[in-house]
PDB file of N, CA and C in Angstrom:
ATOM      1  N   ASP A   1       5.079  43.265  69.766  1.00  0.00           N
ATOM      2  CA  ASP A   1       5.769  42.355  68.870  1.00  0.00           C
ATOM      3  C   ASP A   1       7.058  43.020  68.438  1.00  0.00           C
ATOM      4  N   LEU A   2       8.099  42.235  68.334  1.00  0.00           N
ATOM      5  CA  LEU A   2       9.419  42.748  68.010  1.00  0.00           C
ATOM      6  C   LEU A   2      10.118  41.757  67.091  1.00  0.00           C
ATOM      7  N   VAL A   3      10.684  42.267  66.000  1.00  0.00           N
ATOM      8  CA  VAL A   3      11.472  41.452  65.080  1.00  0.00           C
ATOM      9  C   VAL A   3      12.846  42.103  64.994  1.00  0.00           C
ATOM     10  N   ILE A   4      13.895  41.341  65.299  1.00  0.00           N
ATOM     11  CA  ILE A   4      15.251  41.877  65.255  1.00  0.00           C
ATOM     12  C   ILE A   4      16.084  41.023  64.301  1.00  0.00           C
ATOM     13  N   GLY A   5      16.585  41.673  63.258  1.00  0.00           N
ATOM     14  CA  GLY A   5      17.467  41.001  62.312  1.00  0.00           C
ATOM     15  C   GLY A   5      18.910  41.226  62.726  1.00  0.00           C
ATOM     16  N   HIS A   6      19.857  40.509  62.081  1.00  0.00           N
ATOM     17  CA  HIS A   6      21.234  40.681  62.499  1.00  0.00           C
ATOM     18  C   HIS A   6      22.265  40.523  61.394  1.00  0.00           C
ATOM     19  N   HIS A   7      22.105  39.663  60.473  1.00  0.00           N
ATOM     20  CA  HIS A   7      23.181  39.158  59.635  1.00  0.00           C
ATOM     21  C   HIS A   7      24.141  40.175  59.010  1.00  0.00           C
ATOM     22  N   PRO A   8      23.732  41.359  58.574  1.00  0.00           N
ATOM     23  CA  PRO A   8      24.694  42.221  57.873  1.00  0.00           C
ATOM     24  C   PRO A   8      25.792  42.813  58.755  1.00  0.00           C
ATOM     25  N   HIS A   9      25.698  42.721  60.066  1.00  0.00           N
ATOM     26  CA  HIS A   9      26.730  43.215  60.987  1.00  0.00           C
ATOM     27  C   HIS A   9      26.938  44.726  60.927  1.00  0.00           C
ATOM     28  N   VAL A  10      25.998  45.453  60.373  1.00  0.00           N
ATOM     29  CA  VAL A  10      26.028  46.914  60.370  1.00  0.00           C
ATOM     30  C   VAL A  10      24.638  47.410  60.765  1.00  0.00           C
ATOM     31  N   LEU A  11      24.598  48.603  61.297  1.00  0.00           N
ATOM     32  CA  LEU A  11      23.340  49.215  61.687  1.00  0.00           C
ATOM     33  C   LEU A  11      22.465  49.426  60.453  1.00  0.00           C
ATOM     34  N   GLN A  12      21.200  49.021  60.538  1.00  0.00           N
ATOM     35  CA  GLN A  12      20.231  49.266  59.475  1.00  0.00           C
ATOM     36  C   GLN A  12      19.008  49.927  60.090  1.00  0.00           C
ATOM     37  N   GLY A  13      18.069  50.312  59.247  1.00  0.00           N
ATOM     38  CA  GLY A  13      16.897  51.049  59.690  1.00  0.00           C
ATOM     39  C   GLY A  13      15.919  50.238  60.518  1.00  0.00           C
ATOM     40  N   VAL A  14      14.973  50.969  61.115  1.00  0.00           N
ATOM     41  CA  VAL A  14      13.878  50.353  61.863  1.00  0.00           C
ATOM     42  C   VAL A  14      12.563  50.779  61.233  1.00  0.00           C
ATOM     43  N   GLU A  15      11.560  49.959  61.444  1.00  0.00           N
ATOM     44  CA  GLU A  15      10.243  50.192  60.862  1.00  0.00           C
ATOM     45  C   GLU A  15       9.187  49.813  61.889  1.00  0.00           C
ATOM     46  N   ILE A  16       8.064  50.505  61.863  1.00  0.00           N
ATOM     47  CA  ILE A  16       6.923  50.141  62.710  1.00  0.00           C
ATOM     48  C   ILE A  16       5.844  49.590  61.785  1.00  0.00           C
ATOM     49  N   ALA A  17       5.466  48.346  62.033  1.00  0.00           N
ATOM     50  CA  ALA A  17       4.450  47.687  61.220  1.00  0.00           C
ATOM     51  C   ALA A  17       3.174  47.543  62.048  1.00  0.00           C
ATOM     52  N   ARG A  18       2.063  47.545  61.367  1.00  0.00           N
ATOM     53  CA  ARG A  18       0.776  47.320  62.028  1.00  0.00           C
ATOM     54  C   ARG A  18       0.276  45.929  61.668  1.00  0.00           C
ATOM     55  N   THR A  19      -0.176  45.224  62.682  1.00  0.00           N
ATOM     56  CA  THR A  19      -0.821  43.931  62.481  1.00  0.00           C
ATOM     57  C   THR A  19      -2.185  44.049  63.148  1.00  0.00           C
ATOM     58  N   GLY A  20      -3.161  44.476  62.375  1.00  0.00           N
ATOM     59  CA  GLY A  20      -4.467  44.788  62.943  1.00  0.00           C
ATOM     60  C   GLY A  20      -4.353  46.032  63.791  1.00  0.00           C
ATOM     61  N   ALA A  21      -4.747  45.955  65.042  1.00  0.00           N
ATOM     62  CA  ALA A  21      -4.665  47.099  65.952  1.00  0.00           C
ATOM     63  C   ALA A  21      -3.316  47.171  66.665  1.00  0.00           C
ATOM     64  N   ARG A  22      -2.485  46.138  66.514  1.00  0.00           N
ATOM     65  CA  ARG A  22      -1.195  46.092  67.214  1.00  0.00           C
ATOM     66  C   ARG A  22      -0.104  46.771  66.399  1.00  0.00           C
ATOM     67  N   ARG A  23       0.874  47.335  67.105  1.00  0.00           N
ATOM     68  CA  ARG A  23       2.068  47.885  66.466  1.00  0.00           C
ATOM     69  C   ARG A  23       3.240  46.988  66.793  1.00  0.00           C
ATOM     70  N   ALA A  24       4.056  46.718  65.808  1.00  0.00           N
ATOM     71  CA  ALA A  24       5.252  45.889  65.999  1.00  0.00           C
ATOM     72  C   ALA A  24       6.460  46.660  65.484  1.00  0.00           C
ATOM     73  N   LEU A  25       7.585  46.493  66.126  1.00  0.00           N
ATOM     74  CA  LEU A  25       8.813  47.134  65.701  1.00  0.00           C
ATOM     75  C   LEU A  25       9.692  46.111  64.988  1.00  0.00           C
ATOM     76  N   ILE A  26      10.196  46.513  63.816  1.00  0.00           N
ATOM     77  CA  ILE A  26      11.144  45.687  63.069  1.00  0.00           C
ATOM     78  C   ILE A  26      12.470  46.434  63.058  1.00  0.00           C
ATOM     79  N   ALA A  27      13.491  45.850  63.635  1.00  0.00           N
ATOM     80  CA  ALA A  27      14.850  46.400  63.598  1.00  0.00           C
ATOM     81  C   ALA A  27      15.635  45.485  62.670  1.00  0.00           C
ATOM     82  N   TYR A  28      15.943  45.978  61.477  1.00  0.00           N
ATOM     83  CA  TYR A  28      16.558  45.117  60.478  1.00  0.00           C
ATOM     84  C   TYR A  28      17.957  44.655  60.890  1.00  0.00           C
ATOM     85  N   SER A  29      18.709  45.490  61.580  1.00  0.00           N
ATOM     86  CA  SER A  29      19.987  45.074  62.162  1.00  0.00           C
ATOM     87  C   SER A  29      20.447  46.150  63.133  1.00  0.00           C
ATOM     88  N   LEU A  30      20.861  45.749  64.310  1.00  0.00           N
ATOM     89  CA  LEU A  30      21.388  46.682  65.309  1.00  0.00           C
ATOM     90  C   LEU A  30      22.912  46.750  65.246  1.00  0.00           C
ATOM     91  N   GLY A  31      23.508  46.125  64.249  1.00  0.00           N
ATOM     92  CA  GLY A  31      24.957  46.146  64.100  1.00  0.00           C
ATOM     93  C   GLY A  31      25.597  45.019  64.881  1.00  0.00           C
ATOM     94  N   ASN A  32      26.833  45.214  65.237  1.00  0.00           N
ATOM     95  CA  ASN A  32      27.572  44.252  66.051  1.00  0.00           C
ATOM     96  C   ASN A  32      27.463  44.656  67.514  1.00  0.00           C
ATOM     97  N   PHE A  33      27.915  43.793  68.387  1.00  0.00           N
ATOM     98  CA  PHE A  33      27.954  44.190  69.789  1.00  0.00           C
ATOM     99  C   PHE A  33      29.305  43.880  70.420  1.00  0.00           C
ATOM    100  N   LEU A  34      29.839  42.715  70.172  1.00  0.00           N
ATOM    101  CA  LEU A  34      31.143  42.373  70.739  1.00  0.00           C
ATOM    102  C   LEU A  34      32.218  42.215  69.673  1.00  0.00           C
ATOM    103  N   PHE A  35      31.829  42.257  68.444  1.00  0.00           N
ATOM    104  CA  PHE A  35      32.769  42.074  67.352  1.00  0.00           C
ATOM    105  C   PHE A  35      32.864  43.388  66.598  1.00  0.00           C
ATOM    106  N   ASP A  36      34.065  43.909  66.441  1.00  0.00           N
ATOM    107  CA  ASP A  36      34.209  45.111  65.624  1.00  0.00           C
ATOM    108  C   ASP A  36      34.970  44.749  64.365  1.00  0.00           C
ATOM    109  N   GLY A  37      34.489  45.272  63.272  1.00  0.00           N
ATOM    110  CA  GLY A  37      35.110  45.000  61.986  1.00  0.00           C
ATOM    111  C   GLY A  37      36.196  46.024  61.687  1.00  0.00           C
ATOM    112  N   HIS A  38      36.523  46.134  60.437  1.00  0.00           N
ATOM    113  CA  HIS A  38      37.584  47.028  60.004  1.00  0.00           C
ATOM    114  C   HIS A  38      37.054  48.391  59.576  1.00  0.00           C
ATOM    115  N   LYS A  39      35.785  48.462  59.219  1.00  0.00           N
ATOM    116  CA  LYS A  39      35.182  49.705  58.737  1.00  0.00           C
ATOM    117  C   LYS A  39      34.482  50.422  59.886  1.00  0.00           C
ATOM    118  N   ASP A  40      34.446  51.753  59.812  1.00  0.00           N
ATOM    119  CA  ASP A  40      33.774  52.534  60.865  1.00  0.00           C
ATOM    120  C   ASP A  40      32.313  52.121  61.036  1.00  0.00           C
ATOM    121  N   ALA A  41      31.631  51.828  59.932  1.00  0.00           N
ATOM    122  CA  ALA A  41      30.218  51.440  60.014  1.00  0.00           C
ATOM    123  C   ALA A  41      30.025  50.160  60.814  1.00  0.00           C
ATOM    124  N   GLU A  42      31.025  49.298  60.831  1.00  0.00           N
ATOM    125  CA  GLU A  42      30.933  48.043  61.582  1.00  0.00           C
ATOM    126  C   GLU A  42      31.183  48.248  63.071  1.00  0.00           C
ATOM    127  N   LYS A  43      31.633  49.423  63.450  1.00  0.00           N
ATOM    128  CA  LYS A  43      31.900  49.734  64.854  1.00  0.00           C
ATOM    129  C   LYS A  43      30.763  50.527  65.493  1.00  0.00           C
ATOM    130  N   GLN A  44      29.758  50.881  64.681  1.00  0.00           N
ATOM    131  CA  GLN A  44      28.586  51.587  65.191  1.00  0.00           C
ATOM    132  C   GLN A  44      27.495  50.563  65.469  1.00  0.00           C
ATOM    133  N   SER A  45      26.916  50.640  66.644  1.00  0.00           N
ATOM    134  CA  SER A  45      25.905  49.681  67.047  1.00  0.00           C
ATOM    135  C   SER A  45      24.845  50.393  67.876  1.00  0.00           C
ATOM    136  N   ALA A  46      23.887  49.627  68.377  1.00  0.00           N
ATOM    137  CA  ALA A  46      22.832  50.220  69.190  1.00  0.00           C
ATOM    138  C   ALA A  46      22.219  49.171  70.103  1.00  0.00           C
ATOM    139  N   ILE A  47      21.765  49.640  71.229  1.00  0.00           N
ATOM    140  CA  ILE A  47      20.938  48.838  72.125  1.00  0.00           C
ATOM    141  C   ILE A  47      19.522  49.365  71.954  1.00  0.00           C
ATOM    142  N   LEU A  48      18.574  48.487  71.837  1.00  0.00           N
ATOM    143  CA  LEU A  48      17.182  48.872  71.637  1.00  0.00           C
ATOM    144  C   LEU A  48      16.399  48.606  72.923  1.00  0.00           C
ATOM    145  N   GLU A  49      15.817  49.660  73.476  1.00  0.00           N
ATOM    146  CA  GLU A  49      14.973  49.534  74.670  1.00  0.00           C
ATOM    147  C   GLU A  49      13.524  49.696  74.228  1.00  0.00           C
ATOM    148  N   CYS A  50      12.706  48.672  74.478  1.00  0.00           N
ATOM    149  CA  CYS A  50      11.302  48.700  74.051  1.00  0.00           C
ATOM    150  C   CYS A  50      10.378  48.462  75.237  1.00  0.00           C
ATOM    151  N   ARG A  51       9.234  49.128  75.190  1.00  0.00           N
ATOM    152  CA  ARG A  51       8.157  48.892  76.163  1.00  0.00           C
ATOM    153  C   ARG A  51       6.945  48.426  75.385  1.00  0.00           C
ATOM    154  N   PHE A  52       6.275  47.405  75.929  1.00  0.00           N
ATOM    155  CA  PHE A  52       5.106  46.842  75.280  1.00  0.00           C
ATOM    156  C   PHE A  52       3.924  46.838  76.230  1.00  0.00           C
ATOM    157  N   GLY A  53       2.737  46.925  75.669  1.00  0.00           N
ATOM    158  CA  GLY A  53       1.492  46.819  76.414  1.00  0.00           C
ATOM    159  C   GLY A  53       0.594  45.801  75.723  1.00  0.00           C
ATOM    160  N   ARG A  54      -0.628  45.713  76.161  1.00  0.00           N
ATOM    161  CA  ARG A  54      -1.563  44.753  75.565  1.00  0.00           C
ATOM    162  C   ARG A  54      -1.790  45.009  74.074  1.00  0.00           C
ATOM    163  N   ALA A  55      -1.676  46.258  73.647  1.00  0.00           N
ATOM    164  CA  ALA A  55      -1.892  46.596  72.241  1.00  0.00           C
ATOM    165  C   ALA A  55      -0.600  46.543  71.431  1.00  0.00           C
ATOM    166  N   GLY A  56       0.497  46.050  72.031  1.00  0.00           N
ATOM    167  CA  GLY A  56       1.757  45.949  71.306  1.00  0.00           C
ATOM    168  C   GLY A  56       2.759  46.989  71.755  1.00  0.00           C
ATOM    169  N   LEU A  57       3.521  47.499  70.816  1.00  0.00           N
ATOM    170  CA  LEU A  57       4.595  48.439  71.097  1.00  0.00           C
ATOM    171  C   LEU A  57       4.065  49.737  71.700  1.00  0.00           C
ATOM    172  N   VAL A  58       4.628  50.144  72.832  1.00  0.00           N
ATOM    173  CA  VAL A  58       4.270  51.403  73.485  1.00  0.00           C
ATOM    174  C   VAL A  58       5.333  52.456  73.178  1.00  0.00           C
ATOM    175  N   SER A  59       6.613  52.094  73.334  1.00  0.00           N
ATOM    176  CA  SER A  59       7.697  53.031  73.032  1.00  0.00           C
ATOM    177  C   SER A  59       8.971  52.263  72.716  1.00  0.00           C
ATOM    178  N   ALA A  60       9.868  52.942  71.992  1.00  0.00           N
ATOM    179  CA  ALA A  60      11.164  52.346  71.671  1.00  0.00           C
ATOM    180  C   ALA A  60      12.206  53.451  71.651  1.00  0.00           C
ATOM    181  N   THR A  61      13.359  53.154  72.223  1.00  0.00           N
ATOM    182  CA  THR A  61      14.457  54.107  72.285  1.00  0.00           C
ATOM    183  C   THR A  61      15.748  53.386  71.918  1.00  0.00           C
ATOM    184  N   VAL A  62      16.608  54.091  71.204  1.00  0.00           N
ATOM    185  CA  VAL A  62      17.900  53.549  70.810  1.00  0.00           C
ATOM    186  C   VAL A  62      18.988  54.166  71.681  1.00  0.00           C
ATOM    187  N   VAL A  63      19.869  53.318  72.199  1.00  0.00           N
ATOM    188  CA  VAL A  63      21.054  53.771  72.930  1.00  0.00           C
ATOM    189  C   VAL A  63      22.247  53.514  72.004  1.00  0.00           C
ATOM    190  N   PRO A  64      22.844  54.564  71.441  1.00  0.00           N
ATOM    191  CA  PRO A  64      23.974  54.377  70.536  1.00  0.00           C
ATOM    192  C   PRO A  64      25.183  53.787  71.257  1.00  0.00           C
ATOM    193  N   VAL A  65      25.847  52.856  70.582  1.00  0.00           N
ATOM    194  CA  VAL A  65      27.003  52.160  71.146  1.00  0.00           C
ATOM    195  C   VAL A  65      28.143  52.201  70.129  1.00  0.00           C
ATOM    196  N   GLN A  66      29.340  52.413  70.620  1.00  0.00           N
ATOM    197  CA  GLN A  66      30.550  52.360  69.805  1.00  0.00           C
ATOM    198  C   GLN A  66      31.336  51.127  70.239  1.00  0.00           C
ATOM    199  N   ILE A  67      31.857  50.369  69.276  1.00  0.00           N
ATOM    200  CA  ILE A  67      32.642  49.174  69.575  1.00  0.00           C
ATOM    201  C   ILE A  67      34.122  49.514  69.393  1.00  0.00           C
ATOM    202  N   ASP A  68      34.908  49.339  70.441  1.00  0.00           N
ATOM    203  CA  ASP A  68      36.349  49.576  70.388  1.00  0.00           C
ATOM    204  C   ASP A  68      37.078  48.322  70.840  1.00  0.00           C
ATOM    205  N   HIS A  69      37.836  47.712  69.945  1.00  0.00           N
ATOM    206  CA  HIS A  69      38.606  46.500  70.265  1.00  0.00           C
ATOM    207  C   HIS A  69      37.715  45.441  70.915  1.00  0.00           C
ATOM    208  N   SER A  70      36.570  45.198  70.286  1.00  0.00           N
ATOM    209  CA  SER A  70      35.590  44.185  70.715  1.00  0.00           C
ATOM    210  C   SER A  70      34.946  44.496  72.061  1.00  0.00           C
ATOM    211  N   ALA A  71      34.982  45.747  72.489  1.00  0.00           N
ATOM    212  CA  ALA A  71      34.353  46.138  73.754  1.00  0.00           C
ATOM    213  C   ALA A  71      33.321  47.235  73.479  1.00  0.00           C
ATOM    214  N   PRO A  72      32.031  46.951  73.707  1.00  0.00           N
ATOM    215  CA  PRO A  72      31.007  47.974  73.501  1.00  0.00           C
ATOM    216  C   PRO A  72      31.026  49.001  74.630  1.00  0.00           C
ATOM    217  N   ARG A  73      30.756  50.259  74.250  1.00  0.00           N
ATOM    218  CA  ARG A  73      30.617  51.322  75.246  1.00  0.00           C
ATOM    219  C   ARG A  73      29.589  52.321  74.731  1.00  0.00           C
ATOM    220  N   PRO A  74      28.903  52.998  75.642  1.00  0.00           N
ATOM    221  CA  PRO A  74      27.940  54.010  75.183  1.00  0.00           C
ATOM    222  C   PRO A  74      28.657  55.070  74.342  1.00  0.00           C
ATOM    223  N   ALA A  75      28.087  55.395  73.208  1.00  0.00           N
ATOM    224  CA  ALA A  75      28.660  56.430  72.347  1.00  0.00           C
ATOM    225  C   ALA A  75      28.352  57.796  72.950  1.00  0.00           C
ATOM    226  N   ARG A  76      29.298  58.697  72.867  1.00  0.00           N
ATOM    227  CA  ARG A  76      29.151  60.039  73.423  1.00  0.00           C
ATOM    228  C   ARG A  76      29.494  61.075  72.357  1.00  0.00           C
ATOM    229  N   GLY A  77      29.025  62.284  72.549  1.00  0.00           N
ATOM    230  CA  GLY A  77      29.379  63.409  71.699  1.00  0.00           C
ATOM    231  C   GLY A  77      29.152  63.162  70.226  1.00  0.00           C
ATOM    232  N   PRO A  78      30.169  63.447  69.380  1.00  0.00           N
ATOM    233  CA  PRO A  78      30.021  63.306  67.937  1.00  0.00           C
ATOM    234  C   PRO A  78      29.734  61.872  67.483  1.00  0.00           C
ATOM    235  N   GLU A  79      30.284  60.873  68.196  1.00  0.00           N
ATOM    236  CA  GLU A  79      30.001  59.475  67.847  1.00  0.00           C
ATOM    237  C   GLU A  79      28.514  59.179  68.016  1.00  0.00           C
ATOM    238  N   ARG A  80      27.954  59.611  69.136  1.00  0.00           N
ATOM    239  CA  ARG A  80      26.535  59.404  69.415  1.00  0.00           C
ATOM    240  C   ARG A  80      25.685  60.082  68.350  1.00  0.00           C
ATOM    241  N   ALA A  81      26.025  61.338  68.047  1.00  0.00           N
ATOM    242  CA  ALA A  81      25.278  62.094  67.043  1.00  0.00           C
ATOM    243  C   ALA A  81      25.349  61.415  65.675  1.00  0.00           C
ATOM    244  N   ALA A  82      26.525  60.898  65.307  1.00  0.00           N
ATOM    245  CA  ALA A  82      26.688  60.238  64.010  1.00  0.00           C
ATOM    246  C   ALA A  82      25.852  58.965  63.916  1.00  0.00           C
ATOM    247  N   ILE A  83      25.805  58.185  64.988  1.00  0.00           N
ATOM    248  CA  ILE A  83      25.019  56.947  64.990  1.00  0.00           C
ATOM    249  C   ILE A  83      23.535  57.267  64.889  1.00  0.00           C
ATOM    250  N   LEU A  84      23.064  58.249  65.658  1.00  0.00           N
ATOM    251  CA  LEU A  84      21.651  58.622  65.598  1.00  0.00           C
ATOM    252  C   LEU A  84      21.283  59.211  64.238  1.00  0.00           C
ATOM    253  N   PHE A  85      22.180  60.000  63.657  1.00  0.00           N
ATOM    254  CA  PHE A  85      21.930  60.571  62.329  1.00  0.00           C
ATOM    255  C   PHE A  85      21.809  59.454  61.294  1.00  0.00           C
ATOM    256  N   ARG A  86      22.710  58.487  61.379  1.00  0.00           N
ATOM    257  CA  ARG A  86      22.687  57.365  60.432  1.00  0.00           C
ATOM    258  C   ARG A  86      21.422  56.535  60.582  1.00  0.00           C
ATOM    259  N   LEU A  87      21.049  56.228  61.822  1.00  0.00           N
ATOM    260  CA  LEU A  87      19.830  55.451  62.051  1.00  0.00           C
ATOM    261  C   LEU A  87      18.609  56.204  61.537  1.00  0.00           C
ATOM    262  N   ASP A  88      18.561  57.506  61.777  1.00  0.00           N
ATOM    263  CA  ASP A  88      17.442  58.319  61.291  1.00  0.00           C
ATOM    264  C   ASP A  88      17.384  58.288  59.763  1.00  0.00           C
ATOM    265  N   ALA A  89      18.526  58.462  59.105  1.00  0.00           N
ATOM    266  CA  ALA A  89      18.577  58.459  57.644  1.00  0.00           C
ATOM    267  C   ALA A  89      18.162  57.106  57.067  1.00  0.00           C
ATOM    268  N   LEU A  90      18.537  56.016  57.727  1.00  0.00           N
ATOM    269  CA  LEU A  90      18.175  54.682  57.254  1.00  0.00           C
ATOM    270  C   LEU A  90      16.705  54.356  57.516  1.00  0.00           C
ATOM    271  N   SER A  91      16.126  54.962  58.545  1.00  0.00           N
ATOM    272  CA  SER A  91      14.758  54.631  58.951  1.00  0.00           C
ATOM    273  C   SER A  91      13.696  55.498  58.277  1.00  0.00           C
ATOM    274  N   ARG A  92      14.022  56.713  57.903  1.00  0.00           N
ATOM    275  CA  ARG A  92      13.030  57.603  57.283  1.00  0.00           C
ATOM    276  C   ARG A  92      12.364  57.012  56.044  1.00  0.00           C
ATOM    277  N   PRO A  93      13.100  56.352  55.149  1.00  0.00           N
ATOM    278  CA  PRO A  93      12.411  55.729  54.012  1.00  0.00           C
ATOM    279  C   PRO A  93      11.434  54.625  54.430  1.00  0.00           C
ATOM    280  N   LEU A  94      11.587  54.129  55.650  1.00  0.00           N
ATOM    281  CA  LEU A  94      10.699  53.090  56.190  1.00  0.00           C
ATOM    282  C   LEU A  94       9.562  53.693  57.015  1.00  0.00           C
ATOM    283  N   GLY A  95       9.492  55.041  57.041  1.00  0.00           N
ATOM    284  CA  GLY A  95       8.403  55.705  57.751  1.00  0.00           C
ATOM    285  C   GLY A  95       8.659  55.962  59.215  1.00  0.00           C
ATOM    286  N   VAL A  96       9.924  55.964  59.641  1.00  0.00           N
ATOM    287  CA  VAL A  96      10.269  56.143  61.052  1.00  0.00           C
ATOM    288  C   VAL A  96      11.370  57.183  61.181  1.00  0.00           C
ATOM    289  N   SER A  97      11.293  58.005  62.238  1.00  0.00           N
ATOM    290  CA  SER A  97      12.387  58.915  62.567  1.00  0.00           C
ATOM    291  C   SER A  97      12.927  58.523  63.935  1.00  0.00           C
ATOM    292  N   ALA A  98      14.147  58.955  64.213  1.00  0.00           N
ATOM    293  CA  ALA A  98      14.784  58.597  65.485  1.00  0.00           C
ATOM    294  C   ALA A  98      15.464  59.814  66.098  1.00  0.00           C
ATOM    295  N   PRO A  99      14.707  60.907  66.329  1.00  0.00           N
ATOM    296  CA  PRO A  99      15.346  62.090  66.913  1.00  0.00           C
ATOM    297  C   PRO A  99      15.766  61.832  68.354  1.00  0.00           C
ATOM    298  N   GLY A 100      17.026  62.063  68.645  1.00  0.00           N
ATOM    299  CA  GLY A 100      17.520  61.856  70.004  1.00  0.00           C
ATOM    300  C   GLY A 100      17.451  60.424  70.468  1.00  0.00           C
ATOM    301  N   GLY A 101      17.187  59.491  69.566  1.00  0.00           N
ATOM    302  CA  GLY A 101      17.114  58.081  69.922  1.00  0.00           C
ATOM    303  C   GLY A 101      15.708  57.546  70.087  1.00  0.00           C
ATOM    304  N   ALA A 102      14.703  58.425  70.174  1.00  0.00           N
ATOM    305  CA  ALA A 102      13.313  57.973  70.308  1.00  0.00           C
ATOM    306  C   ALA A 102      12.784  57.556  68.941  1.00  0.00           C
ATOM    307  N   ILE A 103      12.244  56.352  68.835  1.00  0.00           N
ATOM    308  CA  ILE A 103      11.707  55.833  67.580  1.00  0.00           C
ATOM    309  C   ILE A 103      10.275  56.336  67.437  1.00  0.00           C
ATOM    310  N   ARG A 104      10.004  57.056  66.328  1.00  0.00           N
ATOM    311  CA  ARG A 104       8.667  57.620  66.117  1.00  0.00           C
ATOM    312  C   ARG A 104       8.229  57.438  64.674  1.00  0.00           C
ATOM    313  N   PRO A 105       6.943  57.148  64.460  1.00  0.00           N
ATOM    314  CA  PRO A 105       6.447  57.106  63.089  1.00  0.00           C
ATOM    315  C   PRO A 105       6.543  58.500  62.465  1.00  0.00           C
ATOM    316  N   VAL A 106       6.882  58.532  61.189  1.00  0.00           N
ATOM    317  CA  VAL A 106       6.920  59.794  60.455  1.00  0.00           C
ATOM    318  C   VAL A 106       5.547  60.001  59.833  1.00  0.00           C
ATOM    319  N   THR A 107       4.997  61.185  60.021  1.00  0.00           N
ATOM    320  CA  THR A 107       3.703  61.468  59.389  1.00  0.00           C
ATOM    321  C   THR A 107       3.933  61.675  57.902  1.00  0.00           C
ATOM    322  N   ILE A 108       2.888  61.492  57.126  1.00  0.00           N
ATOM    323  CA  ILE A 108       2.999  61.561  55.655  1.00  0.00           C
ATOM    324  C   ILE A 108       3.623  62.890  55.231  1.00  0.00           C
ATOM    325  N   GLY A 109       3.269  63.988  55.870  1.00  0.00           N
ATOM    326  CA  GLY A 109       3.796  65.297  55.493  1.00  0.00           C
ATOM    327  C   GLY A 109       5.283  65.449  55.790  1.00  0.00           C
ATOM    328  N   ASN A 110       5.866  64.636  56.658  1.00  0.00           N
ATOM    329  CA  ASN A 110       7.279  64.755  57.023  1.00  0.00           C
ATOM    330  C   ASN A 110       8.180  63.819  56.228  1.00  0.00           C
ATOM    331  N   ARG A 111       7.654  62.962  55.405  1.00  0.00           N
ATOM    332  CA  ARG A 111       8.482  62.011  54.656  1.00  0.00           C
ATOM    333  C   ARG A 111       9.227  62.675  53.554  1.00  0.00           C
TER     334      ARG A 111
END
């Protein structure tokens, strides 16, 4: 199960919810994709790659994207690191970490 929000046009955190035995991923906003705003935060985006099985979410990975003049491109170097750092910081309060782009539940001791 996957829920993807969009309206704020900026990258927001992700959360893993349980519905019985199933795991579902909630991505509150992946940012923009073809539209870049005036602020740096509006130019940071992400592509979400998810794998699902019979029990729901199997894995999720974020591909950081930078928007330049309404053209998305894979983020590299410091841009990539900044997007992943921001996503991790936004997701940790929701119980998720995103080291290197891999979406993982945070254990209680790591929160």
